[in-house]
Protein backbone atom coordinates (compact mmCIF):
# COMPACT_ATOMS: atom_id res chain seq x y z
CA UNK A 1 81.12 -12.69 -27.00
CA UNK A 2 78.84 -10.58 -29.17
CA UNK A 3 75.97 -13.01 -28.59
CA UNK A 4 76.39 -12.87 -24.79
CA UNK A 5 76.39 -9.00 -24.85
CA UNK A 6 73.22 -9.28 -26.87
CA UNK A 7 71.59 -11.50 -24.44
CA UNK A 8 72.47 -9.22 -21.57
CA UNK A 9 71.21 -6.05 -23.43
CA UNK A 10 67.88 -7.87 -24.21
CA UNK A 11 67.39 -8.75 -20.53
CA UNK A 12 68.08 -5.27 -19.35
CA UNK A 13 65.49 -3.89 -21.87
CA UNK A 14 63.00 -6.38 -20.58
CA UNK A 15 63.74 -5.59 -17.05
CA UNK A 16 63.36 -1.97 -17.83
CA UNK A 17 60.16 -2.61 -19.66
CA UNK A 18 58.79 -4.82 -16.78
CA UNK A 19 59.83 -2.03 -14.21
CA UNK A 20 57.98 0.44 -16.31
CA UNK A 21 55.02 -1.75 -16.53
CA UNK A 22 55.07 -2.44 -12.75
CA UNK A 23 55.15 1.41 -12.05
CA UNK A 24 52.15 1.97 -14.46
CA UNK A 25 50.35 -0.90 -12.71
CA UNK A 26 51.18 0.59 -9.23
CA UNK A 27 49.99 3.91 -10.47
CA UNK A 28 46.69 2.53 -11.53
CA UNK A 29 46.18 0.60 -8.37
CA UNK A 30 47.02 3.90 -6.28
CA UNK A 31 44.21 5.64 -8.10
CA UNK A 32 41.52 2.91 -7.73
CA UNK A 33 38.59 3.32 -5.51
CA UNK A 34 38.26 -0.46 -5.14
CA UNK A 35 40.85 -2.05 -2.42
CA UNK A 36 43.63 -4.23 -3.78
CA UNK A 37 45.71 -6.70 -1.99
CA UNK A 38 48.28 -9.35 -3.18
CA UNK A 39 49.18 -12.25 -0.89
CA UNK A 40 52.24 -14.39 -1.39
CA UNK A 41 52.54 -18.06 -0.84
CA UNK A 42 53.27 -17.56 2.92
CA UNK A 43 50.06 -15.55 3.20
CA UNK A 44 51.98 -12.35 3.51
CA UNK A 45 50.80 -9.02 1.98
CA UNK A 46 53.18 -8.27 -0.91
CA UNK A 47 51.19 -5.44 -2.55
CA UNK A 48 48.38 -3.10 -1.06
CA UNK A 49 47.01 -0.01 -2.46
CA UNK A 50 45.96 3.10 -0.70
CA UNK A 51 42.29 2.39 -0.74
CA UNK A 52 42.90 -1.07 1.09
CA UNK A 53 45.05 0.57 3.58
CA UNK A 54 42.31 2.98 4.47
CA UNK A 55 39.93 0.27 4.74
CA UNK A 56 41.88 -1.92 7.13
CA UNK A 57 43.17 1.06 9.17
CA UNK A 58 47.06 0.76 9.69
CA UNK A 59 49.46 2.99 7.50
CA UNK A 60 50.36 1.71 4.16
CA UNK A 61 54.16 1.11 4.95
CA UNK A 62 53.26 -1.01 8.01
CA UNK A 63 50.97 -3.42 6.02
CA UNK A 64 53.66 -4.72 3.33
CA UNK A 65 54.88 -8.01 4.58
CA UNK A 66 52.11 -8.32 7.28
CA UNK A 67 50.54 -11.69 7.51
CA UNK A 68 47.02 -11.61 6.19
CA UNK A 69 45.70 -13.61 9.14
CA UNK A 70 47.25 -11.12 11.79
CA UNK A 71 45.39 -8.25 9.90
CA UNK A 72 42.12 -10.09 10.11
CA UNK A 73 42.70 -11.39 13.66
CA UNK A 74 39.41 -9.98 14.87
CA UNK A 75 37.58 -12.40 12.35
CA UNK A 76 36.10 -15.54 13.72
CA UNK A 77 37.82 -18.97 13.26
CA UNK A 78 35.46 -20.07 10.47
CA UNK A 79 36.05 -16.69 8.55
CA UNK A 80 39.79 -17.31 8.74
CA UNK A 81 39.50 -20.85 7.70
CA UNK A 82 37.30 -19.62 4.73
CA UNK A 83 39.77 -17.16 3.63
CA UNK A 84 42.68 -19.69 3.89
CA UNK A 85 40.81 -22.03 1.54
CA UNK A 86 39.88 -19.22 -0.90
CA UNK A 87 43.60 -18.46 -1.16
CA UNK A 88 44.95 -21.92 -1.38
CA UNK A 89 42.26 -23.01 -4.12
CA UNK A 90 44.11 -20.97 -6.54
CA UNK A 91 40.79 -20.42 -8.42
CA UNK A 92 39.14 -17.38 -9.63
CA UNK A 93 36.10 -16.86 -7.33
CA UNK A 94 33.98 -14.01 -6.11
CA UNK A 95 32.36 -13.77 -2.63
CA UNK A 96 29.93 -11.42 -0.67
CA UNK A 97 30.71 -11.33 3.08
CA UNK A 98 30.36 -8.99 6.30
CA UNK A 99 33.54 -7.02 6.74
CA UNK A 100 35.90 -8.53 9.42
CA UNK A 101 37.56 -5.13 9.99
CA UNK A 102 34.62 -2.94 9.86
CA UNK A 103 31.39 -4.16 11.66
CA UNK A 104 28.02 -3.55 10.00
CA UNK A 105 29.58 -3.12 6.53
CA UNK A 106 29.50 -5.68 3.52
CA UNK A 107 32.29 -6.33 0.87
CA UNK A 108 32.36 -8.03 -2.37
CA UNK A 109 35.79 -9.81 -2.90
CA UNK A 110 37.38 -11.22 -6.06
CA UNK A 111 39.95 -13.83 -5.83
CA UNK A 112 42.65 -14.03 -8.79
CA UNK A 113 45.73 -16.38 -8.77
CA UNK A 114 48.84 -14.51 -10.12
CA UNK A 115 51.70 -16.88 -10.48
CA UNK A 116 52.53 -18.08 -7.07
CA UNK A 117 50.58 -15.24 -5.32
CA UNK A 118 46.88 -14.41 -5.10
CA UNK A 119 45.29 -11.06 -5.80
CA UNK A 120 42.27 -9.76 -3.89
CA UNK A 121 40.23 -7.08 -5.14
CA UNK A 122 37.34 -6.01 -2.78
CA UNK A 123 34.76 -3.17 -2.65
CA UNK A 124 32.24 -1.78 -0.21
CA UNK A 125 28.80 -3.10 -1.12
CA UNK A 126 26.94 -1.93 2.02
CA UNK A 127 24.50 0.32 0.22
CA UNK A 128 23.52 -2.22 -2.39
CA UNK A 129 23.26 -5.02 0.29
CA UNK A 130 21.00 -2.77 2.40
CA UNK A 131 18.77 -2.16 -0.69
CA UNK A 132 18.65 -5.88 -1.47
CA UNK A 133 17.63 -6.75 2.20
CA UNK A 134 15.04 -4.03 2.05
CA UNK A 135 13.66 -5.49 -1.27
CA UNK A 136 13.83 -8.86 0.20
CA UNK A 137 11.92 -7.81 3.36
CA UNK A 138 9.40 -5.95 1.12
CA UNK A 139 8.91 -9.18 -1.06
CA UNK A 140 8.44 -11.30 2.04
CA UNK A 141 5.89 -8.73 3.26
CA UNK A 142 4.07 -8.75 -0.05
CA UNK A 143 4.12 -12.66 -0.11
CA UNK A 144 2.74 -12.78 3.39
CA UNK A 145 -0.10 -10.26 2.39
CA UNK A 146 -0.69 -12.12 -0.77
CA UNK A 147 -0.93 -15.48 1.27
CA UNK A 148 -3.56 -14.44 3.65
CA UNK A 149 -5.86 -13.61 0.86
CA UNK A 150 -8.23 -16.32 -0.33
CA UNK A 151 -8.36 -15.30 -3.92
CA UNK A 152 -5.72 -17.12 -6.24
CA UNK A 153 -3.30 -14.40 -7.05
CA UNK A 154 -0.30 -14.39 -9.56
CA UNK A 155 2.01 -11.45 -10.66
CA UNK A 156 3.09 -11.66 -14.23
CA UNK A 157 5.97 -9.86 -15.97
CA UNK A 158 5.36 -7.64 -19.04
CA UNK A 159 5.42 -10.73 -21.17
CA UNK A 160 2.64 -12.48 -19.19
CA UNK A 161 4.98 -14.92 -17.48
CA UNK A 162 3.96 -15.97 -13.97
CA UNK A 163 6.66 -14.57 -11.56
CA UNK A 164 5.17 -15.13 -8.18
CA UNK A 165 1.89 -16.70 -6.72
CA UNK A 166 0.32 -16.76 -3.43
CA UNK A 167 -0.43 -19.83 -1.26
CA UNK A 168 -4.22 -20.19 -2.65
CA UNK A 169 -2.77 -20.38 -6.20
CA UNK A 170 -0.14 -23.10 -5.23
CA UNK A 171 -2.78 -25.14 -3.30
CA UNK A 172 -5.14 -25.00 -6.30
CA UNK A 173 -2.38 -25.99 -8.93
CA UNK A 174 -1.27 -28.79 -6.56
CA UNK A 175 -4.86 -30.22 -6.05
CA UNK A 176 -6.01 -29.64 -9.48
CA UNK A 177 -5.07 -33.15 -10.67
CA UNK A 178 -2.90 -31.78 -13.56
CA UNK A 179 0.73 -31.71 -13.00
CA UNK A 180 2.56 -28.44 -13.78
CA UNK A 181 6.02 -27.94 -13.02
CA UNK A 182 6.69 -25.44 -9.97
CA UNK A 183 2.95 -24.83 -9.90
CA UNK A 184 3.14 -22.72 -12.92
CA UNK A 185 5.82 -20.31 -11.89
CA UNK A 186 7.92 -19.20 -15.00
CA UNK A 187 5.19 -20.28 -17.34
CA UNK A 188 3.26 -17.90 -19.55
CA UNK A 189 -0.04 -17.45 -17.89
CA UNK A 190 -2.32 -18.32 -20.90
CA UNK A 191 -0.51 -21.54 -21.55
CA UNK A 192 -1.62 -22.85 -18.30
CA UNK A 193 -4.49 -25.09 -19.37
CA UNK A 194 -5.50 -25.75 -15.88
CA UNK A 195 -6.96 -22.35 -15.53
CA UNK A 196 -8.61 -22.12 -18.94
CA UNK A 197 -12.46 -21.73 -19.26
CA UNK A 198 -14.83 -23.87 -21.28
CA UNK A 199 -14.50 -23.70 -24.95
CA UNK A 200 -17.34 -21.25 -25.55
CA UNK A 201 -15.77 -18.55 -23.22
CA UNK A 202 -12.12 -19.27 -24.19
CA UNK A 203 -11.80 -16.67 -26.96
CA UNK A 204 -13.06 -13.86 -24.79
CA UNK A 205 -10.87 -14.98 -21.97
CA UNK A 206 -7.66 -14.95 -23.99
CA UNK A 207 -8.46 -11.67 -25.73
CA UNK A 208 -9.12 -9.85 -22.50
CA UNK A 209 -5.93 -11.13 -20.72
CA UNK A 210 -3.92 -10.42 -23.86
CA UNK A 211 -5.17 -6.85 -24.22
CA UNK A 212 -3.98 -6.06 -20.49
CA UNK A 213 -0.51 -7.81 -21.10
CA UNK A 214 -0.12 -5.90 -24.42
CA UNK A 215 -1.20 -2.50 -22.55
CA UNK A 216 -4.37 -2.05 -24.86
CA UNK A 217 -6.47 -1.79 -21.69
CA UNK A 218 -5.78 -1.44 -17.92
CA UNK A 219 -8.28 -3.59 -16.54
CA UNK A 220 -10.18 -6.82 -17.62
CA UNK A 221 -12.98 -8.50 -15.41
CA UNK A 222 -14.57 -11.82 -16.59
CA UNK A 223 -16.94 -14.30 -15.07
CA UNK A 224 -16.44 -17.85 -16.53
CA UNK A 225 -17.05 -21.49 -16.09
CA UNK A 226 -14.20 -24.05 -15.96
CA UNK A 227 -13.62 -27.71 -15.26
CA UNK A 228 -12.04 -28.47 -12.03
CA UNK A 229 -11.95 -31.17 -9.25
CA UNK A 230 -14.01 -33.51 -11.39
CA UNK A 231 -16.77 -31.25 -12.25
CA UNK A 232 -17.39 -27.66 -13.27
CA UNK A 233 -16.89 -24.40 -11.18
CA UNK A 234 -17.79 -20.71 -11.71
CA UNK A 235 -14.84 -18.18 -11.37
CA UNK A 236 -14.62 -14.45 -11.37
CA UNK A 237 -11.22 -13.11 -12.91
CA UNK A 238 -9.65 -9.66 -12.44
CA UNK A 239 -6.60 -8.95 -14.55
CA UNK A 240 -5.18 -5.33 -13.94
CA UNK A 241 -1.81 -3.62 -15.00
CA UNK A 242 0.51 -2.22 -12.51
CA UNK A 243 2.81 0.36 -14.09
CA UNK A 244 5.80 1.55 -12.07
CA UNK A 245 7.67 3.78 -14.39
CA UNK A 246 10.61 1.48 -15.72
CA UNK A 247 8.80 -1.79 -15.25
CA UNK A 248 5.22 -3.23 -15.64
CA UNK A 249 3.69 -5.95 -13.69
CA UNK A 250 0.39 -7.80 -14.29
CA UNK A 251 -1.77 -8.73 -11.28
CA UNK A 252 -4.21 -11.52 -11.76
CA UNK A 253 -6.91 -12.52 -9.14
CA UNK A 254 -9.26 -15.39 -9.63
CA UNK A 255 -12.13 -16.25 -7.12
CA UNK A 256 -14.25 -19.40 -7.06
CA UNK A 257 -17.64 -17.97 -6.80
CA UNK A 258 -19.57 -21.36 -7.34
CA UNK A 259 -21.06 -21.33 -3.88
CA UNK A 260 -21.84 -17.61 -4.04
CA UNK A 261 -23.68 -17.85 -7.23
CA UNK A 262 -25.58 -20.97 -5.91
CA UNK A 263 -26.61 -18.90 -2.97
CA UNK A 264 -27.67 -15.88 -5.03
CA UNK A 265 -29.53 -18.31 -7.19
CA UNK A 266 -31.37 -19.69 -4.32
CA UNK A 267 -32.15 -16.00 -3.11
CA UNK A 268 -33.52 -15.23 -6.55
CA UNK A 269 -35.74 -18.33 -6.48
CA UNK A 270 -36.96 -17.62 -2.95
CA UNK A 271 -37.64 -14.02 -4.01
CA UNK A 272 -39.81 -15.50 -7.02
CA UNK A 273 -41.61 -17.82 -4.77
CA UNK A 274 -42.25 -14.90 -2.39
CA UNK A 275 -43.61 -12.81 -5.12
CA UNK A 276 -45.71 -15.70 -6.40
CA UNK A 277 -47.02 -16.35 -2.86
CA UNK A 278 -47.65 -12.57 -2.50
CA UNK A 279 -49.62 -12.48 -5.82
CA UNK A 280 -51.88 -15.39 -4.57
CA UNK A 281 -52.50 -13.62 -1.30
CA UNK A 282 -53.41 -10.42 -2.99
CA UNK A 283 -55.66 -12.25 -5.27
CA UNK A 284 -57.43 -13.92 -2.36
CA UNK A 285 -57.70 -10.67 -0.31
CA UNK A 286 -59.07 -8.90 -3.35
CA UNK A 287 -61.65 -11.46 -3.85
CA UNK A 288 -62.78 -11.51 -0.30
CA UNK A 289 -62.96 -7.75 -0.15
CA UNK A 290 -64.86 -7.65 -3.50
CA UNK A 291 -67.19 -10.58 -2.93
CA UNK A 292 -67.66 -10.44 0.91
CA UNK A 293 -67.02 -7.12 2.33
CA UNK A 294 -68.44 -4.92 -0.31
CA UNK A 295 -71.63 -7.16 -0.39
CA UNK A 296 -72.10 -6.64 3.39
CA UNK A 297 -71.60 -2.71 2.96
CA UNK A 298 -74.24 -2.81 0.07
CA UNK A 299 -76.64 -4.62 2.27
CA UNK A 300 -75.98 -2.14 5.08
CA UNK A 301 -76.73 0.55 2.63
CA UNK A 302 -80.02 -0.95 1.53
CA UNK A 303 -81.13 -1.39 5.08
CA UNK A 304 -80.46 2.20 5.82
CA UNK A 305 -82.47 3.25 2.78
CA UNK A 306 -85.50 1.16 4.22
CA UNK A 307 -84.93 2.69 7.62
CA UNK A 308 -84.87 6.20 6.29
CA UNK A 309 -88.19 5.82 4.47
CA UNK A 310 -89.81 4.68 7.83
CA UNK A 311 -88.50 7.60 9.91
CA UNK A 312 -90.06 11.03 9.64
CA UNK A 313 -87.50 13.35 11.74
CA UNK A 314 -85.19 15.45 9.82
CA UNK A 315 -82.53 14.83 12.50
CA UNK A 316 -82.55 11.12 12.14
CA UNK A 317 -82.64 11.50 8.38
CA UNK A 318 -79.59 13.57 8.40
CA UNK A 319 -77.62 11.09 10.40
CA UNK A 320 -78.72 8.29 8.23
CA UNK A 321 -77.55 10.18 5.05
CA UNK A 322 -74.07 10.65 6.76
CA UNK A 323 -73.96 7.10 7.50
CA UNK A 324 -74.93 6.25 3.81
CA UNK A 325 -72.15 8.58 2.65
CA UNK A 326 -69.75 7.04 4.87
CA UNK A 327 -70.61 3.47 3.59
CA UNK A 328 -70.23 4.71 -0.16
CA UNK A 329 -66.91 6.18 0.56
CA UNK A 330 -65.88 2.81 2.28
CA UNK A 331 -67.01 1.02 -0.84
CA UNK A 332 -64.98 3.10 -3.24
CA UNK A 333 -61.97 2.76 -0.98
CA UNK A 334 -62.52 -1.09 -0.91
CA UNK A 335 -62.85 -1.28 -4.57
CA UNK A 336 -59.81 0.85 -5.13
CA UNK A 337 -57.65 -1.42 -2.68
CA UNK A 338 -59.24 -4.41 -4.27
CA UNK A 339 -58.09 -3.30 -7.63
CA UNK A 340 -54.54 -2.52 -6.47
CA UNK A 341 -54.29 -5.83 -5.07
CA UNK A 342 -55.50 -7.86 -7.96
CA UNK A 343 -56.60 -5.85 -11.06
CA UNK A 344 -59.28 -8.02 -12.59
CA UNK A 345 -59.46 -5.71 -15.38
CA UNK A 346 -56.11 -6.75 -16.65
CA UNK A 347 -57.44 -10.10 -17.62
CA UNK A 348 -60.36 -8.75 -19.54
CA UNK A 349 -59.35 -5.29 -20.83
CA UNK A 350 -55.60 -5.81 -21.18
CA UNK A 351 -52.54 -4.16 -20.23
CA UNK A 352 -52.58 -0.74 -22.03
CA UNK A 353 -56.20 0.12 -20.66
CA UNK A 354 -55.24 -1.17 -17.42
CA UNK A 355 -52.13 0.97 -17.18
CA UNK A 356 -53.98 4.12 -18.53
CA UNK A 357 -56.64 3.86 -15.89
CA UNK A 358 -53.97 3.29 -13.14
CA UNK A 359 -51.92 6.19 -14.21
CA UNK A 360 -55.02 8.61 -14.58
CA UNK A 361 -56.37 7.39 -11.12
CA UNK A 362 -52.80 8.03 -9.69
CA UNK A 363 -52.74 11.54 -10.99
CA UNK A 364 -56.11 12.39 -9.45
CA UNK A 365 -55.33 10.89 -6.02
CA UNK A 366 -51.88 12.32 -5.69
CA UNK A 367 -51.85 15.73 -7.42
CA UNK A 368 -48.73 14.50 -9.24
CA UNK A 369 -48.88 14.92 -13.05
CA UNK A 370 -48.48 11.33 -14.67
CA UNK A 371 -48.04 10.61 -18.28
CA UNK A 372 -48.09 7.17 -20.02
CA UNK A 373 -46.49 6.33 -23.21
CA UNK A 374 -46.68 2.80 -24.74
CA UNK A 375 -45.28 1.26 -27.95
CA UNK A 376 -45.64 -2.14 -29.58
CA UNK A 377 -48.11 -4.90 -29.24
CA UNK A 378 -48.50 -5.08 -25.34
CA UNK A 379 -51.56 -7.19 -25.63
CA UNK A 380 -49.65 -10.12 -27.21
CA UNK A 381 -47.65 -10.55 -23.98
CA UNK A 382 -48.47 -13.60 -21.67
CA UNK A 383 -50.66 -12.73 -18.80
CA UNK A 384 -47.98 -13.38 -15.99
CA UNK A 385 -45.63 -10.93 -17.82
CA UNK A 386 -48.33 -8.26 -18.15
CA UNK A 387 -49.01 -8.69 -14.46
CA UNK A 388 -45.25 -8.31 -13.60
CA UNK A 389 -44.96 -5.11 -15.65
CA UNK A 390 -48.12 -3.71 -13.93
CA UNK A 391 -46.66 -4.45 -10.57
CA UNK A 392 -43.33 -2.91 -11.24
CA UNK A 393 -45.11 0.31 -12.60
CA UNK A 394 -47.40 0.29 -9.50
CA UNK A 395 -44.60 -0.06 -6.94
CA UNK A 396 -42.36 2.43 -8.72
CA UNK A 397 -45.06 5.11 -8.77
CA UNK A 398 -46.01 4.38 -5.23
CA UNK A 399 -42.29 5.07 -4.26
CA UNK A 400 -42.55 8.44 -6.15
CA UNK A 401 -45.67 9.36 -4.04
CA UNK A 402 -44.02 8.37 -0.75
CA UNK A 403 -40.62 9.66 -1.02
CA UNK A 404 -39.79 11.68 -4.26
CA UNK A 405 -41.61 15.07 -3.58
CA UNK A 406 -42.00 14.96 -7.24
CA UNK A 407 -44.39 17.28 -9.49
CA UNK A 408 -44.42 14.88 -12.32
CA UNK A 409 -43.82 11.24 -13.30
CA UNK A 410 -43.60 9.57 -16.78
CA UNK A 411 -44.26 5.99 -17.61
CA UNK A 412 -42.98 4.22 -20.68
CA UNK A 413 -43.55 0.66 -21.88
CA UNK A 414 -42.16 -0.51 -25.17
CA UNK A 415 -42.38 -3.93 -26.66
CA UNK A 416 -39.84 -4.89 -29.48
CA UNK A 417 -39.06 -8.04 -31.35
CA UNK A 418 -36.61 -9.26 -28.65
CA UNK A 419 -37.45 -7.61 -25.33
CA UNK A 420 -39.88 -5.54 -23.24
CA UNK A 421 -38.42 -2.17 -21.83
CA UNK A 422 -40.23 -0.09 -19.23
CA UNK A 423 -39.19 3.02 -17.19
CA UNK A 424 -40.68 5.09 -14.53
CA UNK A 425 -38.90 8.57 -14.13
CA UNK A 426 -39.72 11.40 -11.83
CA UNK A 427 -38.46 15.02 -11.17
CA UNK A 428 -38.11 14.64 -7.39
CA UNK A 429 -35.33 14.74 -4.87
CA UNK A 430 -33.78 11.49 -5.85
CA UNK A 431 -33.13 8.45 -3.66
CA UNK A 432 -31.06 8.57 -0.33
CA UNK A 433 -27.28 7.86 -0.45
CA UNK A 434 -24.76 6.66 1.86
CA UNK A 435 -21.74 8.65 3.00
CA UNK A 436 -19.78 7.51 0.26
CA UNK A 437 -22.15 8.90 -2.29
CA UNK A 438 -23.45 5.61 -3.28
CA UNK A 439 -27.22 4.77 -3.44
CA UNK A 440 -28.30 3.36 -0.04
CA UNK A 441 -29.40 -0.21 0.52
CA UNK A 442 -32.70 -0.69 -1.43
CA UNK A 443 -35.90 -1.17 0.64
CA UNK A 444 -38.50 -3.98 0.27
CA UNK A 445 -40.38 -2.30 -2.65
CA UNK A 446 -37.19 -2.10 -4.83
CA UNK A 447 -36.18 -5.57 -3.96
CA UNK A 448 -39.76 -6.88 -4.87
CA UNK A 449 -39.40 -4.99 -8.40
CA UNK A 450 -36.19 -6.51 -8.96
CA UNK A 451 -37.47 -10.08 -8.00
CA UNK A 452 -40.43 -9.75 -10.50
CA UNK A 453 -37.93 -8.84 -13.15
CA UNK A 454 -35.45 -11.56 -12.37
CA UNK A 455 -38.48 -14.04 -12.46
CA UNK A 456 -38.70 -13.50 -16.06
CA UNK A 457 -34.84 -13.40 -16.76
CA UNK A 458 -34.72 -9.56 -16.85
CA UNK A 459 -33.15 -7.04 -14.91
CA UNK A 460 -33.89 -3.80 -13.04
CA UNK A 461 -31.59 -0.75 -12.52
CA UNK A 462 -31.98 2.52 -10.89
CA UNK A 463 -30.36 6.03 -11.53
CA UNK A 464 -30.92 8.78 -9.14
CA UNK A 465 -29.67 12.36 -8.86
CA UNK A 466 -30.86 15.59 -7.16
CA UNK A 467 -33.05 16.07 -10.07
CA UNK A 468 -34.95 12.90 -10.02
CA UNK A 469 -34.98 9.06 -10.30
CA UNK A 470 -35.16 6.58 -13.11
CA UNK A 471 -36.46 3.01 -12.58
CA UNK A 472 -35.57 1.14 -15.78
CA UNK A 473 -36.31 -2.50 -16.33
CA UNK A 474 -35.66 -4.90 -19.47
CA UNK A 475 -37.27 -8.15 -19.84
CA UNK A 476 -36.39 -10.72 -22.59
CA UNK A 477 -39.23 -11.72 -24.94
CA UNK A 478 -40.64 -15.15 -23.85
CA UNK A 479 -39.79 -18.06 -26.00
CA UNK A 480 -42.16 -18.36 -28.94
CA UNK A 481 -42.90 -14.55 -28.98
CA UNK A 482 -39.55 -13.28 -30.16
CA UNK A 483 -40.59 -12.32 -33.62
CA UNK A 484 -42.62 -9.01 -34.28
CA UNK A 485 -44.65 -10.87 -36.78
CA UNK A 486 -45.73 -13.43 -34.18
CA UNK A 487 -46.60 -10.65 -31.72
CA UNK A 488 -48.49 -8.78 -34.48
CA UNK A 489 -50.42 -11.86 -35.21
């Protein structure tokens, strides 16, 4: 008897405890912002919290005992079949779906089996879904923009792993002849051996890319040669860091410039050929002027002298004297033009005296103060290089006279153990600029100077402002003359 009473007492305590637990659970559900439904085995609603009631519409007391399919009768046949399958599966699952009761809204629902019933906990994720869709559209737009670009472009994460790449990248990876899973997506960029340069450039390549990934520098540009498609190709690489606050991405763009560089080499070779042809033409014209035209003028001058001796009239003598003066002036002009076309004195006197005579003559003819400074053994240079230096100086000074409105110009030529440096600077108004503030496209004279420098493996640069212009050229020392001892000897 006592044992029976004890059992009844324990069951009453358990019922009271269960009831209290149920009340606490109901209180928690009532305060939740998430929506809660509990469905029995007949698909009727056995529990519902206020948030769920507000979501579906009818009053709370009308919903308990209501069939779930009647509540969602506006949903399509496929949606109701999917809901039945989710409830009958008796498995914990999560889905995202458009709302059946509030068109235009999205919900995220969790299904939990509880005994013989199923609990459904769902929430409004419309804002999150809208943001995700906007992000997806932005990503698709970015991919479309990247795909129309001919450069091979990849976006890396902060660790240097390839996240996304454009169509040109995928086409190269597919056609490279070296298999790489997913065309390198998900692989650290520097581990993609298909993209690495030749051995001599590999260290600089890796160091530059790593510096951008590590944040030591924002930008890295590199021209390199790599093996591709059974041969070697030339590439131009641009790596830059995109910092967007909480996250960082690395943009890598690679262009195949093999054809471009080949075309530029052809242009340089053509420019050199044109310069050589121009030099030969100048030499021929100078010889014809000096050996033919000047001689004819000299003969004419001698004949005038004979004619003057035979005539007694003062008027005729005055006319003959005027003609003789004009002939003498023409001879001087022709000799000057002949010298500028092909300075023979360069072969005989050397570069320094020829430059000195030219600078002095320039100053007297133009009223522009000109100064020359030379350093090092200029006369040890080969004649073609001397001629190129003289031509660059002549053209640069001619540009000063024609365009600069300068009062003075300084010429400097320095020969060192490894290179020849020359500069021509003036105090004029500077070169013309385009609307963006950049130097305007160079004319024929500057292109000719640059071609002469390129002919010897050198370079020519311009710097210009409202206070003047500097033309600077650096030419490497020819092979066999790259030691000062050799030059001095």
